[in-house]
mmCIF file of all heavy atoms, coordinates in Angstrom:
data_MODEL
# 
_entry.id   MODEL 
# 
loop_
_atom_site.group_PDB 
_atom_site.id 
_atom_site.type_symbol 
_atom_site.label_atom_id 
_atom_site.label_alt_id 
_atom_site.label_comp_id 
_atom_site.label_asym_id 
_atom_site.label_entity_id 
_atom_site.label_seq_id 
_atom_site.pdbx_PDB_ins_code 
_atom_site.Cartn_x 
_atom_site.Cartn_y 
_atom_site.Cartn_z 
_atom_site.occupancy 
_atom_site.B_iso_or_equiv 
_atom_site.pdbx_formal_charge 
_atom_site.auth_seq_id 
_atom_site.auth_comp_id 
_atom_site.auth_asym_id 
_atom_site.auth_atom_id 
_atom_site.pdbx_PDB_model_num 
ATOM 1   N N   . SER A 1 1  ? 6.778  9.346  -7.838  1.00 0.00 ? 1  SER A N   1 
ATOM 2   C CA  . SER A 1 1  ? 6.781  10.440 -6.950  1.00 0.00 ? 1  SER A CA  1 
ATOM 3   C C   . SER A 1 1  ? 5.454  10.701 -6.247  1.00 0.00 ? 1  SER A C   1 
ATOM 4   O O   . SER A 1 1  ? 5.376  10.940 -5.028  1.00 0.00 ? 1  SER A O   1 
ATOM 5   C CB  . SER A 1 1  ? 7.407  11.706 -7.640  1.00 0.00 ? 1  SER A CB  1 
ATOM 6   O OG  . SER A 1 1  ? 7.429  12.806 -6.668  1.00 0.00 ? 1  SER A OG  1 
ATOM 7   N N   . GLU A 1 2  ? 4.457  10.732 -7.055  1.00 0.00 ? 2  GLU A N   1 
ATOM 8   C CA  . GLU A 1 2  ? 3.096  11.037 -6.593  1.00 0.00 ? 2  GLU A CA  1 
ATOM 9   C C   . GLU A 1 2  ? 2.523  9.801  -5.742  1.00 0.00 ? 2  GLU A C   1 
ATOM 10  O O   . GLU A 1 2  ? 1.678  10.184 -4.760  1.00 0.00 ? 2  GLU A O   1 
ATOM 11  C CB  . GLU A 1 2  ? 2.156  11.393 -7.737  1.00 0.00 ? 2  GLU A CB  1 
ATOM 12  C CG  . GLU A 1 2  ? 2.574  12.711 -8.414  1.00 0.00 ? 2  GLU A CG  1 
ATOM 13  C CD  . GLU A 1 2  ? 1.720  12.924 -9.637  1.00 0.00 ? 2  GLU A CD  1 
ATOM 14  O OE1 . GLU A 1 2  ? 0.851  12.114 -9.989  1.00 0.00 ? 2  GLU A OE1 1 
ATOM 15  O OE2 . GLU A 1 2  ? 1.796  14.133 -10.066 1.00 0.00 ? 2  GLU A OE2 1 
ATOM 16  N N   . PHE A 1 3  ? 3.032  8.696  -5.979  1.00 0.00 ? 3  PHE A N   1 
ATOM 17  C CA  . PHE A 1 3  ? 2.441  7.534  -5.175  1.00 0.00 ? 3  PHE A CA  1 
ATOM 18  C C   . PHE A 1 3  ? 3.037  7.401  -3.766  1.00 0.00 ? 3  PHE A C   1 
ATOM 19  O O   . PHE A 1 3  ? 2.533  6.701  -2.994  1.00 0.00 ? 3  PHE A O   1 
ATOM 20  C CB  . PHE A 1 3  ? 2.758  6.193  -5.948  1.00 0.00 ? 3  PHE A CB  1 
ATOM 21  C CG  . PHE A 1 3  ? 1.988  5.025  -5.380  1.00 0.00 ? 3  PHE A CG  1 
ATOM 22  C CD1 . PHE A 1 3  ? 0.548  4.896  -5.538  1.00 0.00 ? 3  PHE A CD1 1 
ATOM 23  C CD2 . PHE A 1 3  ? 2.683  4.026  -4.666  1.00 0.00 ? 3  PHE A CD2 1 
ATOM 24  C CE1 . PHE A 1 3  ? -0.130 3.825  -4.989  1.00 0.00 ? 3  PHE A CE1 1 
ATOM 25  C CE2 . PHE A 1 3  ? 1.958  3.028  -4.139  1.00 0.00 ? 3  PHE A CE2 1 
ATOM 26  C CZ  . PHE A 1 3  ? 0.528  2.870  -4.284  1.00 0.00 ? 3  PHE A CZ  1 
ATOM 27  N N   . LEU A 1 4  ? 4.163  8.143  -3.589  1.00 0.00 ? 4  LEU A N   1 
ATOM 28  C CA  . LEU A 1 4  ? 4.817  8.066  -2.332  1.00 0.00 ? 4  LEU A CA  1 
ATOM 29  C C   . LEU A 1 4  ? 3.901  8.461  -1.069  1.00 0.00 ? 4  LEU A C   1 
ATOM 30  O O   . LEU A 1 4  ? 4.050  7.823  -0.036  1.00 0.00 ? 4  LEU A O   1 
ATOM 31  C CB  . LEU A 1 4  ? 6.046  8.964  -2.312  1.00 0.00 ? 4  LEU A CB  1 
ATOM 32  C CG  . LEU A 1 4  ? 7.267  8.581  -3.101  1.00 0.00 ? 4  LEU A CG  1 
ATOM 33  C CD1 . LEU A 1 4  ? 8.340  9.705  -3.059  1.00 0.00 ? 4  LEU A CD1 1 
ATOM 34  C CD2 . LEU A 1 4  ? 7.784  7.236  -2.504  1.00 0.00 ? 4  LEU A CD2 1 
ATOM 35  N N   . GLU A 1 5  ? 2.948  9.318  -1.319  1.00 0.00 ? 5  GLU A N   1 
ATOM 36  C CA  . GLU A 1 5  ? 1.986  9.770  -0.321  1.00 0.00 ? 5  GLU A CA  1 
ATOM 37  C C   . GLU A 1 5  ? 1.144  8.508  0.116   1.00 0.00 ? 5  GLU A C   1 
ATOM 38  O O   . GLU A 1 5  ? 0.907  8.295  1.301   1.00 0.00 ? 5  GLU A O   1 
ATOM 39  C CB  . GLU A 1 5  ? 1.167  10.896 -0.673  1.00 0.00 ? 5  GLU A CB  1 
ATOM 40  C CG  . GLU A 1 5  ? 0.230  11.353 0.390   1.00 0.00 ? 5  GLU A CG  1 
ATOM 41  C CD  . GLU A 1 5  ? -0.563 12.627 -0.057  1.00 0.00 ? 5  GLU A CD  1 
ATOM 42  O OE1 . GLU A 1 5  ? -0.181 13.217 -1.165  1.00 0.00 ? 5  GLU A OE1 1 
ATOM 43  O OE2 . GLU A 1 5  ? -1.560 12.997 0.640   1.00 0.00 ? 5  GLU A OE2 1 
ATOM 44  N N   . VAL A 1 6  ? 0.630  7.803  -0.951  1.00 0.00 ? 6  VAL A N   1 
ATOM 45  C CA  . VAL A 1 6  ? -0.193 6.685  -0.672  1.00 0.00 ? 6  VAL A CA  1 
ATOM 46  C C   . VAL A 1 6  ? 0.594  5.561  0.034   1.00 0.00 ? 6  VAL A C   1 
ATOM 47  O O   . VAL A 1 6  ? 0.127  4.945  1.059   1.00 0.00 ? 6  VAL A O   1 
ATOM 48  C CB  . VAL A 1 6  ? -0.886 6.107  -1.953  1.00 0.00 ? 6  VAL A CB  1 
ATOM 49  C CG1 . VAL A 1 6  ? -1.721 4.805  -1.717  1.00 0.00 ? 6  VAL A CG1 1 
ATOM 50  C CG2 . VAL A 1 6  ? -1.654 7.184  -2.666  1.00 0.00 ? 6  VAL A CG2 1 
ATOM 51  N N   . ALA A 1 7  ? 1.853  5.398  -0.414  1.00 0.00 ? 7  ALA A N   1 
ATOM 52  C CA  . ALA A 1 7  ? 2.654  4.316  0.088   1.00 0.00 ? 7  ALA A CA  1 
ATOM 53  C C   . ALA A 1 7  ? 2.946  4.627  1.625   1.00 0.00 ? 7  ALA A C   1 
ATOM 54  O O   . ALA A 1 7  ? 2.921  3.726  2.482   1.00 0.00 ? 7  ALA A O   1 
ATOM 55  C CB  . ALA A 1 7  ? 3.975  4.231  -0.662  1.00 0.00 ? 7  ALA A CB  1 
ATOM 56  N N   . ALA A 1 8  ? 3.175  5.826  1.878   1.00 0.00 ? 8  ALA A N   1 
ATOM 57  C CA  . ALA A 1 8  ? 3.508  6.224  3.333   1.00 0.00 ? 8  ALA A CA  1 
ATOM 58  C C   . ALA A 1 8  ? 2.269  5.993  4.157   1.00 0.00 ? 8  ALA A C   1 
ATOM 59  O O   . ALA A 1 8  ? 2.382  5.533  5.399   1.00 0.00 ? 8  ALA A O   1 
ATOM 60  C CB  . ALA A 1 8  ? 3.937  7.696  3.349   1.00 0.00 ? 8  ALA A CB  1 
ATOM 61  N N   . GLN A 1 9  ? 1.085  6.230  3.700   1.00 0.00 ? 9  GLN A N   1 
ATOM 62  C CA  . GLN A 1 9  ? -0.122 6.091  4.465   1.00 0.00 ? 9  GLN A CA  1 
ATOM 63  C C   . GLN A 1 9  ? -0.346 4.637  4.916   1.00 0.00 ? 9  GLN A C   1 
ATOM 64  O O   . GLN A 1 9  ? -0.839 4.425  5.978   1.00 0.00 ? 9  GLN A O   1 
ATOM 65  C CB  . GLN A 1 9  ? -1.307 6.513  3.635   1.00 0.00 ? 9  GLN A CB  1 
ATOM 66  C CG  . GLN A 1 9  ? -2.676 6.396  4.411   1.00 0.00 ? 9  GLN A CG  1 
ATOM 67  C CD  . GLN A 1 9  ? -3.846 6.809  3.457   1.00 0.00 ? 9  GLN A CD  1 
ATOM 68  O OE1 . GLN A 1 9  ? -3.668 7.396  2.414   1.00 0.00 ? 9  GLN A OE1 1 
ATOM 69  N NE2 . GLN A 1 9  ? -5.060 6.632  3.980   1.00 0.00 ? 9  GLN A NE2 1 
ATOM 70  N N   . PHE A 1 10 ? 0.009  3.748  4.045   1.00 0.00 ? 10 PHE A N   1 
ATOM 71  C CA  . PHE A 1 10 ? -0.174 2.288  4.299   1.00 0.00 ? 10 PHE A CA  1 
ATOM 72  C C   . PHE A 1 10 ? 1.103  1.511  4.719   1.00 0.00 ? 10 PHE A C   1 
ATOM 73  O O   . PHE A 1 10 ? 1.003  0.318  4.855   1.00 0.00 ? 10 PHE A O   1 
ATOM 74  C CB  . PHE A 1 10 ? -0.843 1.612  3.157   1.00 0.00 ? 10 PHE A CB  1 
ATOM 75  C CG  . PHE A 1 10 ? -2.246 2.071  2.950   1.00 0.00 ? 10 PHE A CG  1 
ATOM 76  C CD1 . PHE A 1 10 ? -2.587 3.138  2.066   1.00 0.00 ? 10 PHE A CD1 1 
ATOM 77  C CD2 . PHE A 1 10 ? -3.337 1.398  3.506   1.00 0.00 ? 10 PHE A CD2 1 
ATOM 78  C CE1 . PHE A 1 10 ? -3.924 3.582  1.908   1.00 0.00 ? 10 PHE A CE1 1 
ATOM 79  C CE2 . PHE A 1 10 ? -4.654 1.794  3.277   1.00 0.00 ? 10 PHE A CE2 1 
ATOM 80  C CZ  . PHE A 1 10 ? -4.889 2.937  2.586   1.00 0.00 ? 10 PHE A CZ  1 
ATOM 81  N N   . GLY A 1 11 ? 2.155  2.227  4.747   1.00 0.00 ? 11 GLY A N   1 
ATOM 82  C CA  . GLY A 1 11 ? 3.492  1.516  5.013   1.00 0.00 ? 11 GLY A CA  1 
ATOM 83  C C   . GLY A 1 11 ? 3.935  0.560  3.983   1.00 0.00 ? 11 GLY A C   1 
ATOM 84  O O   . GLY A 1 11 ? 4.416  -0.522 4.281   1.00 0.00 ? 11 GLY A O   1 
ATOM 85  N N   . MET A 1 12 ? 3.703  0.995  2.738   1.00 0.00 ? 12 MET A N   1 
ATOM 86  C CA  . MET A 1 12 ? 3.946  0.007  1.554   1.00 0.00 ? 12 MET A CA  1 
ATOM 87  C C   . MET A 1 12 ? 5.372  0.082  1.159   1.00 0.00 ? 12 MET A C   1 
ATOM 88  O O   . MET A 1 12 ? 6.084  1.132  1.124   1.00 0.00 ? 12 MET A O   1 
ATOM 89  C CB  . MET A 1 12 ? 3.159  0.512  0.390   1.00 0.00 ? 12 MET A CB  1 
ATOM 90  C CG  . MET A 1 12 ? 1.627  0.356  0.496   1.00 0.00 ? 12 MET A CG  1 
ATOM 91  S SD  . MET A 1 12 ? 0.803  1.099  -0.981  1.00 0.00 ? 12 MET A SD  1 
ATOM 92  C CE  . MET A 1 12 ? -0.941 0.719  -0.521  1.00 0.00 ? 12 MET A CE  1 
ATOM 93  N N   . ARG A 1 13 ? 5.878  -1.052 0.681   1.00 0.00 ? 13 ARG A N   1 
ATOM 94  C CA  . ARG A 1 13 ? 7.003  -1.173 -0.202  1.00 0.00 ? 13 ARG A CA  1 
ATOM 95  C C   . ARG A 1 13 ? 6.441  -1.375 -1.615  1.00 0.00 ? 13 ARG A C   1 
ATOM 96  O O   . ARG A 1 13 ? 5.647  -2.183 -1.815  1.00 0.00 ? 13 ARG A O   1 
ATOM 97  C CB  . ARG A 1 13 ? 7.955  -2.303 0.217   1.00 0.00 ? 13 ARG A CB  1 
ATOM 98  C CG  . ARG A 1 13 ? 8.516  -2.232 1.654   1.00 0.00 ? 13 ARG A CG  1 
ATOM 99  C CD  . ARG A 1 13 ? 9.307  -3.429 1.984   1.00 0.00 ? 13 ARG A CD  1 
ATOM 100 N NE  . ARG A 1 13 ? 8.557  -4.635 1.850   1.00 0.00 ? 13 ARG A NE  1 
ATOM 101 C CZ  . ARG A 1 13 ? 9.021  -5.795 2.420   1.00 0.00 ? 13 ARG A CZ  1 
ATOM 102 N NH1 . ARG A 1 13 ? 10.211 -5.871 2.932   1.00 0.00 ? 13 ARG A NH1 1 
ATOM 103 N NH2 . ARG A 1 13 ? 8.221  -6.916 2.352   1.00 0.00 ? 13 ARG A NH2 1 
ATOM 104 N N   . PHE A 1 14 ? 6.924  -0.546 -2.541  1.00 0.00 ? 14 PHE A N   1 
ATOM 105 C CA  . PHE A 1 14 ? 6.334  -0.691 -3.866  1.00 0.00 ? 14 PHE A CA  1 
ATOM 106 C C   . PHE A 1 14 ? 7.431  -0.536 -4.971  1.00 0.00 ? 14 PHE A C   1 
ATOM 107 O O   . PHE A 1 14 ? 8.502  0.127  -4.687  1.00 0.00 ? 14 PHE A O   1 
ATOM 108 C CB  . PHE A 1 14 ? 5.197  0.335  -4.149  1.00 0.00 ? 14 PHE A CB  1 
ATOM 109 C CG  . PHE A 1 14 ? 5.723  1.683  -4.428  1.00 0.00 ? 14 PHE A CG  1 
ATOM 110 C CD1 . PHE A 1 14 ? 5.848  2.188  -5.712  1.00 0.00 ? 14 PHE A CD1 1 
ATOM 111 C CD2 . PHE A 1 14 ? 6.045  2.539  -3.305  1.00 0.00 ? 14 PHE A CD2 1 
ATOM 112 C CE1 . PHE A 1 14 ? 6.206  3.489  -5.936  1.00 0.00 ? 14 PHE A CE1 1 
ATOM 113 C CE2 . PHE A 1 14 ? 6.378  3.864  -3.593  1.00 0.00 ? 14 PHE A CE2 1 
ATOM 114 C CZ  . PHE A 1 14 ? 6.465  4.373  -4.955  1.00 0.00 ? 14 PHE A CZ  1 
ATOM 115 N N   . VAL A 1 15 ? 7.205  -1.111 -6.118  1.00 0.00 ? 15 VAL A N   1 
ATOM 116 C CA  . VAL A 1 15 ? 8.029  -0.941 -7.354  1.00 0.00 ? 15 VAL A CA  1 
ATOM 117 C C   . VAL A 1 15 ? 7.137  -0.593 -8.485  1.00 0.00 ? 15 VAL A C   1 
ATOM 118 O O   . VAL A 1 15 ? 6.097  -1.303 -8.615  1.00 0.00 ? 15 VAL A O   1 
ATOM 119 C CB  . VAL A 1 15 ? 8.866  -2.143 -7.530  1.00 0.00 ? 15 VAL A CB  1 
ATOM 120 C CG1 . VAL A 1 15 ? 9.688  -1.962 -8.886  1.00 0.00 ? 15 VAL A CG1 1 
ATOM 121 C CG2 . VAL A 1 15 ? 9.781  -2.539 -6.418  1.00 0.00 ? 15 VAL A CG2 1 
ATOM 122 N N   . LEU A 1 16 ? 7.484  0.349  -9.223  1.00 0.00 ? 16 LEU A N   1 
ATOM 123 C CA  . LEU A 1 16 ? 6.691  0.736  -10.309 1.00 0.00 ? 16 LEU A CA  1 
ATOM 124 C C   . LEU A 1 16 ? 7.641  0.810  -11.604 1.00 0.00 ? 16 LEU A C   1 
ATOM 125 O O   . LEU A 1 16 ? 8.577  1.546  -11.566 1.00 0.00 ? 16 LEU A O   1 
ATOM 126 C CB  . LEU A 1 16 ? 6.072  2.087  -10.148 1.00 0.00 ? 16 LEU A CB  1 
ATOM 127 C CG  . LEU A 1 16 ? 4.840  2.518  -11.065 1.00 0.00 ? 16 LEU A CG  1 
ATOM 128 C CD1 . LEU A 1 16 ? 3.884  3.422  -10.438 1.00 0.00 ? 16 LEU A CD1 1 
ATOM 129 C CD2 . LEU A 1 16 ? 5.249  3.007  -12.386 1.00 0.00 ? 16 LEU A CD2 1 
ATOM 130 N N   . TRP A 1 17 ? 7.320  -0.045 -12.593 1.00 0.00 ? 17 TRP A N   1 
ATOM 131 C CA  . TRP A 1 17 ? 8.131  -0.157 -13.746 1.00 0.00 ? 17 TRP A CA  1 
ATOM 132 C C   . TRP A 1 17 ? 7.287  0.260  -15.060 1.00 0.00 ? 17 TRP A C   1 
ATOM 133 O O   . TRP A 1 17 ? 6.065  -0.091 -15.060 1.00 0.00 ? 17 TRP A O   1 
ATOM 134 C CB  . TRP A 1 17 ? 8.630  -1.599 -13.961 1.00 0.00 ? 17 TRP A CB  1 
ATOM 135 C CG  . TRP A 1 17 ? 9.651  -2.073 -13.126 1.00 0.00 ? 17 TRP A CG  1 
ATOM 136 C CD1 . TRP A 1 17 ? 9.601  -2.372 -11.851 1.00 0.00 ? 17 TRP A CD1 1 
ATOM 137 C CD2 . TRP A 1 17 ? 11.089 -2.277 -13.511 1.00 0.00 ? 17 TRP A CD2 1 
ATOM 138 N NE1 . TRP A 1 17 ? 10.791 -2.835 -11.328 1.00 0.00 ? 17 TRP A NE1 1 
ATOM 139 C CE2 . TRP A 1 17 ? 11.752 -2.811 -12.295 1.00 0.00 ? 17 TRP A CE2 1 
ATOM 140 C CE3 . TRP A 1 17 ? 11.715 -2.047 -14.632 1.00 0.00 ? 17 TRP A CE3 1 
ATOM 141 C CZ2 . TRP A 1 17 ? 13.073 -3.006 -12.351 1.00 0.00 ? 17 TRP A CZ2 1 
ATOM 142 C CZ3 . TRP A 1 17 ? 13.094 -2.377 -14.647 1.00 0.00 ? 17 TRP A CZ3 1 
ATOM 143 C CH2 . TRP A 1 17 ? 13.711 -2.783 -13.502 1.00 0.00 ? 17 TRP A CH2 1 
ATOM 144 N N   . ASP A 1 18 ? 7.943  0.804  -16.019 1.00 0.00 ? 18 ASP A N   1 
ATOM 145 C CA  . ASP A 1 18 ? 7.377  0.875  -17.320 1.00 0.00 ? 18 ASP A CA  1 
ATOM 146 C C   . ASP A 1 18 ? 7.322  -0.659 -17.903 1.00 0.00 ? 18 ASP A C   1 
ATOM 147 O O   . ASP A 1 18 ? 8.321  -1.348 -17.921 1.00 0.00 ? 18 ASP A O   1 
ATOM 148 C CB  . ASP A 1 18 ? 8.255  1.649  -18.218 1.00 0.00 ? 18 ASP A CB  1 
ATOM 149 C CG  . ASP A 1 18 ? 7.706  1.799  -19.631 1.00 0.00 ? 18 ASP A CG  1 
ATOM 150 O OD1 . ASP A 1 18 ? 6.939  0.939  -20.079 1.00 0.00 ? 18 ASP A OD1 1 
ATOM 151 O OD2 . ASP A 1 18 ? 8.099  2.750  -20.376 1.00 0.00 ? 18 ASP A OD2 1 
ATOM 152 N N   . SER A 1 19 ? 6.100  -1.101 -18.287 1.00 0.00 ? 19 SER A N   1 
ATOM 153 C CA  . SER A 1 19 ? 5.958  -2.522 -18.652 1.00 0.00 ? 19 SER A CA  1 
ATOM 154 C C   . SER A 1 19 ? 6.827  -2.899 -19.829 1.00 0.00 ? 19 SER A C   1 
ATOM 155 O O   . SER A 1 19 ? 7.025  -4.114 -20.068 1.00 0.00 ? 19 SER A O   1 
ATOM 156 C CB  . SER A 1 19 ? 4.414  -2.845 -18.910 1.00 0.00 ? 19 SER A CB  1 
ATOM 157 O OG  . SER A 1 19 ? 4.090  -2.059 -20.009 1.00 0.00 ? 19 SER A OG  1 
ATOM 158 N N   . LYS A 1 20 ? 7.276  -2.005 -20.638 1.00 0.00 ? 20 LYS A N   1 
ATOM 159 C CA  . LYS A 1 20 ? 8.133  -2.255 -21.734 1.00 0.00 ? 20 LYS A CA  1 
ATOM 160 C C   . LYS A 1 20 ? 9.629  -2.260 -21.494 1.00 0.00 ? 20 LYS A C   1 
ATOM 161 O O   . LYS A 1 20 ? 10.377 -2.551 -22.335 1.00 0.00 ? 20 LYS A O   1 
ATOM 162 C CB  . LYS A 1 20 ? 7.809  -1.288 -22.899 1.00 0.00 ? 20 LYS A CB  1 
ATOM 163 C CG  . LYS A 1 20 ? 6.348  -1.442 -23.447 1.00 0.00 ? 20 LYS A CG  1 
ATOM 164 C CD  . LYS A 1 20 ? 6.119  -0.422 -24.526 1.00 0.00 ? 20 LYS A CD  1 
ATOM 165 C CE  . LYS A 1 20 ? 4.641  -0.591 -25.077 1.00 0.00 ? 20 LYS A CE  1 
ATOM 166 N NZ  . LYS A 1 20 ? 4.313  0.437  -26.153 1.00 0.00 ? 20 LYS A NZ  1 
ATOM 167 N N   . ALA A 1 21 ? 9.859  -1.834 -20.349 1.00 0.00 ? 21 ALA A N   1 
ATOM 168 C CA  . ALA A 1 21 ? 11.341 -1.710 -19.924 1.00 0.00 ? 21 ALA A CA  1 
ATOM 169 C C   . ALA A 1 21 ? 11.875 -3.135 -19.565 1.00 0.00 ? 21 ALA A C   1 
ATOM 170 O O   . ALA A 1 21 ? 11.386 -3.722 -18.579 1.00 0.00 ? 21 ALA A O   1 
ATOM 171 C CB  . ALA A 1 21 ? 11.510 -0.765 -18.763 1.00 0.00 ? 21 ALA A CB  1 
ATOM 172 N N   . PRO A 1 22 ? 12.883 -3.631 -20.332 1.00 0.00 ? 22 PRO A N   1 
ATOM 173 C CA  . PRO A 1 22 ? 13.435 -4.980 -19.953 1.00 0.00 ? 22 PRO A CA  1 
ATOM 174 C C   . PRO A 1 22 ? 14.402 -4.941 -18.817 1.00 0.00 ? 22 PRO A C   1 
ATOM 175 O O   . PRO A 1 22 ? 14.944 -3.956 -18.567 1.00 0.00 ? 22 PRO A O   1 
ATOM 176 C CB  . PRO A 1 22 ? 14.178 -5.287 -21.263 1.00 0.00 ? 22 PRO A CB  1 
ATOM 177 C CG  . PRO A 1 22 ? 14.636 -3.987 -21.839 1.00 0.00 ? 22 PRO A CG  1 
ATOM 178 C CD  . PRO A 1 22 ? 13.564 -2.982 -21.523 1.00 0.00 ? 22 PRO A CD  1 
ATOM 179 N N   . TYR A 1 23 ? 14.429 -6.017 -18.047 1.00 0.00 ? 23 TYR A N   1 
ATOM 180 C CA  . TYR A 1 23 ? 15.347 -6.159 -16.984 1.00 0.00 ? 23 TYR A CA  1 
ATOM 181 C C   . TYR A 1 23 ? 16.788 -6.333 -17.584 1.00 0.00 ? 23 TYR A C   1 
ATOM 182 O O   . TYR A 1 23 ? 16.980 -7.180 -18.480 1.00 0.00 ? 23 TYR A O   1 
ATOM 183 C CB  . TYR A 1 23 ? 15.022 -7.426 -16.143 1.00 0.00 ? 23 TYR A CB  1 
ATOM 184 C CG  . TYR A 1 23 ? 14.199 -7.131 -14.832 1.00 0.00 ? 23 TYR A CG  1 
ATOM 185 C CD1 . TYR A 1 23 ? 12.836 -6.552 -15.019 1.00 0.00 ? 23 TYR A CD1 1 
ATOM 186 C CD2 . TYR A 1 23 ? 14.639 -7.368 -13.659 1.00 0.00 ? 23 TYR A CD2 1 
ATOM 187 C CE1 . TYR A 1 23 ? 12.110 -6.443 -13.849 1.00 0.00 ? 23 TYR A CE1 1 
ATOM 188 C CE2 . TYR A 1 23 ? 13.882 -7.144 -12.531 1.00 0.00 ? 23 TYR A CE2 1 
ATOM 189 C CZ  . TYR A 1 23 ? 12.628 -6.612 -12.638 1.00 0.00 ? 23 TYR A CZ  1 
ATOM 190 O OH  . TYR A 1 23 ? 11.906 -6.352 -11.542 1.00 0.00 ? 23 TYR A OH  1 
ATOM 191 N N   . ARG A 1 24 ? 17.726 -5.649 -17.020 1.00 0.00 ? 24 ARG A N   1 
ATOM 192 C CA  . ARG A 1 24 ? 19.110 -5.841 -17.330 1.00 0.00 ? 24 ARG A CA  1 
ATOM 193 C C   . ARG A 1 24 ? 19.590 -7.076 -16.627 1.00 0.00 ? 24 ARG A C   1 
ATOM 194 O O   . ARG A 1 24 ? 19.691 -7.087 -15.411 1.00 0.00 ? 24 ARG A O   1 
ATOM 195 C CB  . ARG A 1 24 ? 19.884 -4.645 -16.914 1.00 0.00 ? 24 ARG A CB  1 
ATOM 196 C CG  . ARG A 1 24 ? 19.376 -3.306 -17.624 1.00 0.00 ? 24 ARG A CG  1 
ATOM 197 C CD  . ARG A 1 24 ? 20.033 -3.135 -18.986 1.00 0.00 ? 24 ARG A CD  1 
ATOM 198 N NE  . ARG A 1 24 ? 21.370 -2.856 -18.940 1.00 0.00 ? 24 ARG A NE  1 
ATOM 199 C CZ  . ARG A 1 24 ? 22.208 -2.768 -20.030 1.00 0.00 ? 24 ARG A CZ  1 
ATOM 200 N NH1 . ARG A 1 24 ? 21.717 -3.040 -21.197 1.00 0.00 ? 24 ARG A NH1 1 
ATOM 201 N NH2 . ARG A 1 24 ? 23.446 -2.579 -19.891 1.00 0.00 ? 24 ARG A NH2 1 
# 
């Protein structure tokens, strides 16, 4: 949620995962 401001400033597409969370 807090990174959305940075992402909007640079037109970013981003994904943020907990590194221990496995992919289903």
